[in-house]
Protein backbone atom coordinates (compact mmCIF):
# COMPACT_ATOMS: atom_id res chain seq x y z
CA MET A 1 -182.84 105.72 -69.62
CA ILE A 2 -180.27 106.94 -67.10
CA PRO A 3 -176.70 106.73 -68.49
CA GLY A 4 -174.93 103.66 -67.11
CA ARG A 5 -178.21 102.10 -65.98
CA MET A 6 -180.78 99.99 -67.78
CA ASN A 7 -184.50 100.23 -67.42
CA SER A 8 -186.35 97.10 -66.31
CA ARG A 9 -187.60 96.27 -69.82
CA GLU A 10 -184.06 96.38 -71.22
CA MET A 11 -182.81 94.25 -68.31
CA ARG A 12 -185.51 91.60 -68.94
CA ARG A 13 -184.61 91.52 -72.65
CA LEU A 14 -180.92 90.99 -71.89
CA MET A 15 -181.69 88.30 -69.31
CA ALA A 16 -183.87 86.47 -71.85
CA GLN A 17 -181.03 86.62 -74.41
CA MET A 18 -178.68 85.04 -71.86
CA GLY A 19 -181.20 82.27 -71.08
CA ILE A 20 -182.06 83.62 -67.64
CA LYS A 21 -185.71 83.25 -66.69
CA SER A 22 -187.24 85.19 -63.79
CA THR A 23 -190.59 84.19 -62.28
CA GLU A 24 -192.49 85.96 -59.52
CA MET A 25 -194.04 83.42 -57.15
CA ASP A 26 -197.15 85.44 -56.24
CA ASP A 27 -198.87 82.66 -54.29
CA VAL A 28 -196.07 82.40 -51.68
CA THR A 29 -196.81 84.39 -48.52
CA LYS A 30 -194.43 82.82 -45.99
CA VAL A 31 -191.01 81.16 -46.21
CA ILE A 32 -189.55 79.02 -43.42
CA PHE A 33 -185.89 78.05 -43.16
CA LYS A 34 -185.46 75.14 -40.74
CA GLY A 35 -182.29 75.36 -38.64
CA LYS A 36 -180.88 72.96 -36.05
CA THR A 37 -181.62 75.20 -33.07
CA LYS A 38 -184.12 77.68 -34.48
CA ASP A 39 -186.27 78.35 -37.51
CA TYR A 40 -186.23 81.53 -39.58
CA VAL A 41 -189.67 82.68 -40.74
CA ILE A 42 -190.06 85.25 -43.49
CA ASP A 43 -193.54 86.78 -43.29
CA ASN A 44 -195.11 88.84 -46.10
CA ALA A 45 -192.68 87.14 -48.46
CA GLN A 46 -192.09 88.27 -52.01
CA VAL A 47 -190.32 85.42 -53.79
CA THR A 48 -188.64 85.50 -57.19
CA MET A 49 -187.30 82.34 -58.81
CA ILE A 50 -184.41 82.92 -61.19
CA GLU A 51 -183.42 80.04 -63.47
CA ALA A 52 -180.13 80.07 -65.35
CA GLN A 53 -178.35 77.10 -66.92
CA GLY A 54 -180.72 74.67 -65.18
CA VAL A 55 -180.02 76.08 -61.71
CA LYS A 56 -182.88 77.64 -59.78
CA THR A 57 -182.09 80.44 -57.35
CA PHE A 58 -184.65 82.05 -55.07
CA GLN A 59 -184.68 85.67 -53.96
CA VAL A 60 -186.79 86.23 -50.83
CA VAL A 61 -187.79 89.64 -49.50
CA GLY A 62 -189.94 90.10 -46.40
CA THR A 63 -189.97 90.48 -42.63
CA MET A 64 -187.84 87.91 -40.80
CA ARG A 65 -188.35 86.55 -37.31
CA GLU A 66 -186.47 83.81 -35.47
CA VAL A 67 -188.37 81.03 -33.76
CA PRO A 68 -186.44 78.92 -31.20
CA LYS A 69 -187.12 75.19 -31.47
CA GLU A 70 -188.76 73.39 -28.60
CA PRO A 71 -186.82 70.35 -27.39
CA GLU A 72 -188.46 67.32 -28.97
CA GLU A 73 -189.99 64.87 -26.57
CA LYS A 74 -189.19 61.23 -27.20
CA LYS A 75 -192.14 59.54 -28.77
CA GLU A 76 -193.18 56.64 -26.60
CA GLU A 77 -194.00 53.63 -28.70
CA SER A 78 -197.45 52.34 -28.03
CA PHE A 79 -198.52 48.76 -28.41
CA PRO A 80 -202.02 47.30 -28.33
CA GLU A 81 -203.11 46.58 -24.78
CA ASP A 82 -203.96 42.99 -25.77
CA ASP A 83 -200.36 42.43 -26.95
CA ILE A 84 -198.93 43.80 -23.69
CA LYS A 85 -201.24 41.59 -21.59
CA LEU A 86 -200.46 38.52 -23.70
CA VAL A 87 -196.70 38.99 -23.24
CA MET A 88 -197.14 39.63 -19.50
CA GLU A 89 -199.22 36.48 -19.02
CA GLN A 90 -197.25 34.12 -21.26
CA ALA A 91 -193.80 35.18 -20.07
CA ASN A 92 -194.91 35.91 -16.49
CA VAL A 93 -193.30 39.38 -16.46
CA SER A 94 -194.24 42.88 -15.37
CA ARG A 95 -195.86 45.39 -17.69
CA ASP A 96 -192.58 47.33 -18.07
CA LYS A 97 -190.69 44.15 -19.02
CA ALA A 98 -193.41 43.22 -21.51
CA ILE A 99 -193.22 46.66 -23.16
CA GLU A 100 -189.40 46.46 -23.28
CA ALA A 101 -189.64 43.05 -24.93
CA LEU A 102 -192.18 44.33 -27.47
CA LYS A 103 -189.87 47.23 -28.34
CA ALA A 104 -186.95 44.85 -28.80
CA SER A 105 -189.03 42.55 -31.02
CA GLY A 106 -190.39 45.32 -33.23
CA GLY A 107 -193.89 44.95 -31.76
CA GLU A 108 -194.16 41.21 -32.41
CA PRO A 109 -195.75 39.56 -29.33
CA ALA A 110 -194.66 35.99 -30.21
CA GLN A 111 -191.04 37.06 -30.64
CA ALA A 112 -191.19 39.11 -27.43
CA ILE A 113 -192.44 36.06 -25.50
CA MET A 114 -189.76 33.80 -27.01
CA ASN A 115 -187.03 36.33 -26.16
CA LEU A 116 -188.23 36.60 -22.55
CA MET A 117 -188.47 32.80 -22.14
CA GLN A 118 -184.84 32.37 -23.28
CA LYS A 119 -183.50 34.62 -20.52
């Protein structure tokens, strides 16, 4: 043992005495941190979980790369074609108006028709 330094076996013994548990997470190969504008990907990850006083801390070592996020496209709600046609026919409105009414009614054709008839 080098003076002033502990060997790994001595360090593990002291950590165990202090209630600190260290676990290698051998099955983890990639870690992804999701950010608002970009993601951080750690490839070839070596992950160690350290648990002390009920708190888990993770040490991650590997090769990091940044991945910019693509702007998310708005998901267009889709409604069954039969519902759209029913609203169009019953309320005598265009397809766009029928879809708007279905969105406003949470996809309920009867409510969409009633809402359109009240206008």
